[in-house]
Protein backbone atom coordinates (compact mmCIF):
# COMPACT_ATOMS: atom_id res chain seq x y z
CA MET A 1 104.99 99.18 87.26
CA ALA A 2 107.52 97.71 84.83
CA TRP A 3 110.35 98.50 87.19
CA ILE A 4 109.27 95.91 89.75
CA GLY A 5 110.78 92.41 89.63
CA ASP A 6 108.74 89.21 89.74
CA THR A 7 104.94 88.90 89.91
CA ARG A 8 104.66 88.53 93.69
CA SER A 9 106.95 91.49 94.39
CA ARG A 10 105.12 93.57 91.80
CA HIS A 11 101.81 92.70 93.44
CA LEU A 12 103.01 93.56 96.96
CA LEU A 13 104.45 96.94 96.01
CA TYR A 14 101.42 97.68 93.85
CA LEU A 15 99.16 97.08 96.86
CA ILE A 16 101.21 99.53 98.91
CA MET A 17 101.08 102.17 96.19
CA ILE A 18 97.33 101.95 95.46
CA LYS A 19 96.17 102.10 99.07
CA THR A 20 93.64 104.85 99.58
CA TYR A 21 91.65 106.37 102.43
CA PRO A 22 90.75 105.13 104.96
CA TYR A 23 94.05 103.41 105.65
CA LEU A 24 94.52 100.32 107.81
CA LEU A 25 97.61 98.99 109.55
CA ASP A 26 98.72 95.76 107.90
CA PRO A 27 99.91 93.00 110.26
CA LEU A 28 103.58 92.11 110.25
CA PRO A 29 104.45 89.29 107.82
CA TYR A 30 106.16 87.40 110.68
CA ALA A 31 105.98 87.10 114.47
CA TYR A 32 107.08 90.02 116.65
CA ASP A 33 110.04 88.00 117.92
CA ALA A 34 111.09 86.71 114.49
CA LEU A 35 114.01 89.13 114.21
CA GLU A 36 115.52 88.31 117.62
CA PRO A 37 118.23 88.86 118.70
CA VAL A 38 118.96 91.59 116.14
CA ILE A 39 115.70 93.46 116.71
CA ASP A 40 113.93 92.54 119.92
CA LYS A 41 110.26 91.70 120.35
CA GLU A 42 109.51 94.77 122.46
CA THR A 43 110.97 97.11 119.86
CA MET A 44 109.02 95.43 117.06
CA THR A 45 105.78 95.54 119.03
CA ILE A 46 106.07 99.22 119.92
CA HIS A 47 107.43 100.18 116.51
CA HIS A 48 104.62 98.47 114.60
CA ASP A 49 101.65 98.71 116.96
CA LYS A 50 102.33 102.22 118.28
CA HIS A 51 104.52 104.21 115.90
CA HIS A 52 103.32 102.76 112.59
CA GLN A 53 99.73 102.79 113.84
CA ALA A 54 100.11 106.47 114.75
CA TYR A 55 101.09 107.32 111.17
CA VAL A 56 98.01 105.48 109.91
CA ASP A 57 95.73 107.20 112.42
CA ASN A 58 97.18 110.66 111.86
CA LEU A 59 96.95 110.29 108.09
CA ASN A 60 93.31 109.22 108.30
CA LYS A 61 92.54 112.14 110.60
CA ALA A 62 94.17 114.62 108.23
CA LEU A 63 92.40 113.18 105.19
CA ALA A 64 89.03 113.21 106.97
CA GLU A 65 89.38 116.99 106.98
CA ASN A 66 90.57 117.17 103.34
CA GLU A 67 88.05 115.32 101.18
CA PRO A 68 89.73 116.04 97.79
CA LEU A 69 92.82 114.15 99.00
CA GLN A 70 90.90 111.03 99.99
CA VAL A 71 91.05 109.60 96.46
CA LYS A 72 94.83 109.99 96.24
CA THR A 73 97.15 107.01 96.65
CA LEU A 74 99.91 106.97 99.24
CA THR A 75 102.58 107.84 96.70
CA GLU A 76 100.51 110.73 95.36
CA LEU A 77 100.20 112.05 98.91
CA PHE A 78 104.02 112.32 99.07
CA PHE A 79 103.58 115.49 97.01
CA SER A 80 100.92 117.09 99.19
CA GLU A 81 101.48 120.70 100.21
CA LEU A 82 100.12 119.83 103.66
CA PRO A 83 103.02 118.68 105.88
CA VAL A 84 100.72 116.57 108.08
CA VAL A 85 99.58 114.62 105.02
CA LYS A 86 102.98 114.33 103.34
CA ASN A 87 104.78 113.27 106.52
CA ASN A 88 102.25 110.68 107.65
CA ALA A 89 101.81 109.23 104.16
CA GLY A 90 105.56 108.73 104.08
CA GLY A 91 105.43 107.13 107.51
CA VAL A 92 102.81 104.63 106.39
CA TRP A 93 104.51 103.72 103.09
CA ASN A 94 108.07 103.60 104.42
CA HIS A 95 107.14 101.21 107.21
CA ASP A 96 105.07 98.95 104.95
CA PHE A 97 108.12 98.74 102.68
CA PHE A 98 110.52 98.21 105.60
CA TRP A 99 108.65 95.30 107.22
CA GLU A 100 108.51 93.43 103.90
CA GLU A 101 112.30 93.32 103.51
CA LEU A 102 113.13 91.79 106.90
CA THR A 103 113.52 88.13 107.79
CA THR A 104 114.85 85.70 110.40
CA PRO A 105 118.52 86.47 111.20
CA GLY A 106 121.20 84.70 109.24
CA ILE A 107 119.13 83.09 106.49
CA GLY A 108 119.35 85.77 103.80
CA HIS A 109 122.02 85.88 101.11
CA ILE A 110 122.62 88.15 98.14
CA GLY A 111 121.52 86.55 94.89
CA GLU A 112 123.50 86.55 91.66
CA SER A 113 121.51 89.27 89.89
CA LEU A 114 121.69 91.69 92.79
CA MET A 115 125.36 90.87 93.36
CA LYS A 116 126.14 91.86 89.76
CA GLU A 117 124.27 95.14 90.09
CA LEU A 118 125.99 96.00 93.35
CA GLU A 119 129.41 95.26 91.88
CA LYS A 120 128.58 97.25 88.76
CA SER A 121 127.59 100.30 90.80
CA PHE A 122 129.96 100.07 93.79
CA GLU A 123 132.76 97.77 92.52
CA THR A 124 132.39 95.42 95.51
CA VAL A 125 129.65 94.41 97.94
CA ASP A 126 131.94 95.41 100.81
CA GLU A 127 132.19 98.91 99.37
CA PHE A 128 128.41 99.11 99.08
CA MET A 129 128.02 98.02 102.70
CA LYS A 130 130.57 100.58 103.85
CA ILE A 131 128.77 103.38 102.00
CA PHE A 132 125.36 102.24 103.22
CA GLU A 133 126.49 102.13 106.84
CA ALA A 134 128.17 105.53 106.60
CA THR A 135 125.07 107.05 105.03
CA ALA A 136 122.76 105.62 107.69
CA LEU A 137 125.07 106.83 110.45
CA GLY A 138 125.49 110.22 108.80
CA ARG A 139 121.77 110.99 108.76
CA PHE A 140 121.50 113.71 111.40
CA GLY A 141 118.47 113.22 113.62
CA SER A 142 115.61 111.05 112.38
CA GLY A 143 115.31 109.54 108.93
CA TRP A 144 116.09 106.63 106.65
CA GLY A 145 119.00 105.16 104.73
CA TRP A 146 118.22 103.76 101.28
CA LEU A 147 119.62 101.64 98.49
CA VAL A 148 117.92 102.95 95.36
CA GLN A 149 117.99 102.57 91.61
CA ASN A 150 118.16 105.73 89.54
CA LYS A 151 116.46 106.36 86.20
CA ASP A 152 119.47 104.94 84.35
CA GLY A 153 119.33 101.69 86.32
CA VAL A 154 122.42 102.50 88.40
CA LEU A 155 122.28 101.72 92.11
CA GLU A 156 122.91 104.52 94.59
CA VAL A 157 122.87 104.98 98.35
CA LEU A 158 121.21 108.01 99.92
CA SER A 159 119.35 109.10 103.02
CA THR A 160 116.17 111.05 103.62
CA ALA A 161 115.04 113.09 106.59
CA ASN A 162 112.07 112.20 108.75
CA GLN A 163 109.56 110.25 106.60
CA ASP A 164 110.61 111.60 103.20
CA ASN A 165 110.76 109.05 100.37
CA PRO A 166 113.29 108.89 97.51
CA MET A 167 110.53 108.29 94.96
CA VAL A 168 109.78 112.01 95.20
CA ASP A 169 113.12 112.61 93.47
CA GLY A 170 112.63 109.88 90.88
CA PHE A 171 114.50 107.03 92.58
CA LYS A 172 113.17 103.50 92.98
CA PRO A 173 113.67 102.18 96.54
CA LEU A 174 115.25 98.73 96.89
CA LEU A 175 116.30 98.59 100.54
CA ALA A 176 115.57 100.82 103.53
CA ILE A 177 116.89 101.10 107.06
CA ASP A 178 114.91 103.04 109.64
CA VAL A 179 117.28 105.17 111.72
CA TRP A 180 114.68 106.87 113.86
CA GLU A 181 115.64 106.21 117.49
CA HIS A 182 112.44 104.26 118.14
CA ALA A 183 113.69 101.64 115.64
CA TYR A 184 116.63 100.63 117.82
CA TYR A 185 116.93 102.55 121.10
CA LEU A 186 115.38 99.99 123.47
CA LYS A 187 118.08 97.45 122.56
CA TYR A 188 121.00 99.50 121.28
CA LYS A 189 120.53 102.71 123.31
CA ASN A 190 122.62 105.48 121.69
CA LYS A 191 124.74 103.02 119.69
CA ARG A 192 123.22 103.50 116.26
CA ALA A 193 126.37 102.04 114.70
CA ASP A 194 125.78 98.70 116.40
CA TYR A 195 122.20 98.61 115.10
CA VAL A 196 123.28 99.47 111.56
CA LYS A 197 126.00 96.81 111.62
CA ALA A 198 123.58 94.15 112.92
CA PHE A 199 120.93 95.13 110.37
CA TRP A 200 122.65 93.09 107.64
CA GLU A 201 121.66 89.90 109.49
CA VAL A 202 117.91 90.43 109.04
CA ILE A 203 117.69 91.51 105.40
CA ASN A 204 115.61 89.38 103.06
CA TRP A 205 117.88 89.72 100.04
CA ASP A 206 115.46 87.81 97.84
CA LYS A 207 112.96 90.61 98.43
CA VAL A 208 115.54 93.26 97.60
CA GLU A 209 116.46 91.47 94.38
CA GLN A 210 112.79 91.20 93.40
CA ARG A 211 112.55 94.98 93.61
CA LEU A 212 115.22 95.41 90.93
CA GLY A 213 114.08 96.59 87.51
């Protein structure tokens, strides 16, 4: 786990990665209305208590019928040949990761170390933000937008379909945005662009920086 930042961040991501069957839904690390007005309480409640819970339940159900897979960690299940296992394992992990990087609107700021890495990889933070927004908006249908670090330590932006995870292709996730409609539709309706633009206000940049190698 040498590619994780400080001790607390390393511990949190380690806990996500070593989870094994039977899985439980972790509580949010803040109140359901903590991200208002960017992400409303109703969206957070349904997203966490219904959608995230469904991934946990469906994964447990699939693993109950596949005993050899019960000893695998979440990240190992990303590589399962069974779509029901792979997809729901991704749904559990991606959401655990997503909740951890969010915070009260307007209090986050990009730290010096992360700023340097963003400028090294994208020339400017504005350019990174433009690419990130375009990538999130360009994901057709359901999926995620990601800021990742490649094996050479360079930062990249990419997107994945459905509940796929960039770790499968050797990338280290640093920041994720959920662009499934259930993540924003109650508040933003069909205006994904407005949701993506507002998303910057609720990022815990300290958490993102801790995830750097």
